[in-house]
Amino acid sequence: VQLQASGGGLVQAGGSLRLSCKASGTTFRFNGNGWYRQAPGKQRELVANISSGGDTIYADSVKDRFTISRDNRVNTMNLQMVSLKPEDTARYYCSVVRWGRTFWGQGTLVTVSS
């Protein structure tokens, strides 16, 4: 399984970004698909998760601002982020759990300036 995240960058507070995660060796049709983030000096935390049935879970800090989705046609998982805040600055990782093992992408850096 390989995951390739993209879409990060520098944006001003209040702006938007769309992250994408392309998978090979698996699809996002199963359970255990998510976006995580890790800010400098902090632990990695769950941002959003999407199940095989399309049910979603969000961290309280991003509810109503971030939207997780998947596109099975091109085997990608996306994270639409709006109303970005400086505290959203972090490296964002996509992740899947398959066969009891967690796979991580390399991460994409999001920097939100005030």
Protein backbone atom coordinates (compact mmCIF):
# COMPACT_ATOMS: atom_id res chain seq x y z
CA VAL A 1 0.00 0.00 0.00
CA GLN A 2 1.26 3.44 -0.92
CA LEU A 3 -0.38 6.75 -0.18
CA GLN A 4 0.57 10.04 -1.83
CA ALA A 5 -0.77 13.24 -0.29
CA SER A 6 -0.77 16.57 -2.08
CA GLY A 7 -2.39 19.98 -2.01
CA GLY A 8 -0.72 21.63 0.95
CA GLY A 9 0.71 25.12 0.87
CA LEU A 10 0.76 28.57 2.40
CA VAL A 11 -2.56 30.34 2.82
CA GLN A 12 -3.82 33.32 4.75
CA ALA A 13 -6.24 32.92 7.62
CA GLY A 14 -9.76 32.57 6.30
CA GLY A 15 -8.55 30.91 3.12
CA SER A 16 -9.14 27.46 1.71
CA LEU A 17 -7.14 24.45 0.59
CA ARG A 18 -8.04 21.04 -0.80
CA LEU A 19 -5.85 18.09 0.08
CA SER A 20 -5.86 14.90 -1.94
CA CYS A 21 -4.54 11.43 -1.18
CA LYS A 22 -3.93 8.99 -3.99
CA ALA A 23 -3.75 5.31 -3.07
CA SER A 24 -2.11 2.37 -4.77
CA GLY A 25 -2.40 -1.18 -3.55
CA THR A 26 -5.77 -0.53 -1.94
CA THR A 27 -8.92 1.53 -2.34
CA PHE A 28 -10.83 3.83 -0.03
CA ARG A 29 -13.98 1.67 -0.26
CA PHE A 30 -13.16 -0.02 3.04
CA ASN A 31 -13.30 1.22 6.63
CA GLY A 32 -10.35 2.88 8.29
CA ASN A 33 -9.60 5.87 6.06
CA GLY A 34 -8.58 9.13 7.61
CA TRP A 35 -6.69 12.37 7.64
CA TYR A 36 -4.42 13.21 10.55
CA ARG A 37 -2.23 16.17 11.31
CA GLN A 38 0.81 16.92 13.40
CA ALA A 39 1.87 20.38 14.42
CA PRO A 40 5.43 21.09 15.59
CA GLY A 41 5.92 19.88 19.13
CA LYS A 42 2.52 18.21 19.26
CA GLN A 43 1.21 14.69 18.87
CA ARG A 44 -0.41 13.50 15.70
CA GLU A 45 -4.19 13.87 15.91
CA LEU A 46 -7.16 12.65 13.95
CA VAL A 47 -8.73 15.31 11.75
CA ALA A 48 -11.40 13.32 9.92
CA ASN A 49 -12.37 9.76 9.11
CA ILE A 50 -14.62 8.23 6.47
CA SER A 51 -16.07 4.73 6.63
CA SER A 52 -16.91 2.27 3.88
CA GLY A 53 -20.50 3.44 4.09
CA GLY A 54 -19.56 7.09 3.82
CA ASP A 55 -20.08 7.95 7.47
CA THR A 56 -17.74 10.69 8.61
CA ILE A 57 -16.19 11.74 11.89
CA TYR A 58 -14.48 15.07 12.54
CA ALA A 59 -12.36 16.50 15.29
CA ASP A 60 -14.29 19.16 17.17
CA SER A 61 -11.75 21.76 16.13
CA VAL A 62 -12.50 21.32 12.41
CA LYS A 63 -16.23 20.57 12.40
CA ASP A 64 -18.19 22.72 9.95
CA ARG A 65 -14.94 23.84 8.29
CA PHE A 66 -13.42 20.65 6.88
CA THR A 67 -15.06 18.03 4.69
CA ILE A 68 -13.65 14.58 4.00
CA SER A 69 -14.69 12.75 0.86
CA ARG A 70 -13.52 10.09 -1.54
CA ASP A 71 -13.66 9.63 -5.28
CA ASN A 72 -13.69 5.95 -6.12
CA ARG A 73 -13.34 6.66 -9.84
CA VAL A 74 -9.80 7.93 -9.36
CA ASN A 75 -9.09 6.21 -6.03
CA THR A 76 -8.50 9.37 -4.04
CA MET A 77 -9.53 10.66 -0.63
CA ASN A 78 -9.88 14.40 -0.23
CA LEU A 79 -10.02 16.95 2.57
CA GLN A 80 -11.64 20.26 1.71
CA MET A 81 -10.60 22.90 4.24
CA VAL A 82 -12.25 26.31 4.47
CA SER A 83 -12.05 29.16 6.97
CA LEU A 84 -8.52 28.11 7.82
CA LYS A 85 -6.99 29.33 11.06
CA PRO A 86 -3.34 29.68 12.10
CA GLU A 87 -3.88 26.80 14.52
CA ASP A 88 -4.59 24.54 11.53
CA THR A 89 -0.91 24.82 10.61
CA ALA A 90 0.52 21.30 10.55
CA ARG A 91 1.71 18.49 8.36
CA TYR A 92 -1.32 16.55 7.19
CA TYR A 93 -1.16 12.82 6.65
CA CYS A 94 -3.57 10.46 4.99
CA SER A 95 -3.90 7.01 6.48
CA VAL A 96 -5.60 3.69 5.93
CA VAL A 97 -5.86 0.62 8.11
CA ARG A 98 -5.63 -2.65 6.22
CA TRP A 99 -5.11 -6.17 7.54
CA GLY A 100 -4.60 -4.79 11.04
CA ARG A 101 -1.81 -2.48 9.95
CA THR A 102 -1.77 1.29 9.59
CA PHE A 103 -0.31 2.78 6.43
CA TRP A 104 0.71 6.45 6.21
CA GLY A 105 1.39 8.81 3.37
CA GLN A 106 4.39 11.13 3.49
CA GLY A 107 2.34 14.11 4.53
CA THR A 108 1.72 17.52 3.03
CA LEU A 109 2.48 20.76 4.85
CA VAL A 110 -0.25 23.31 5.48
CA THR A 111 0.78 26.71 6.77
CA VAL A 112 -1.84 29.30 7.68
CA SER A 113 -0.61 32.82 8.22
CA SER A 114 -2.41 35.32 10.42
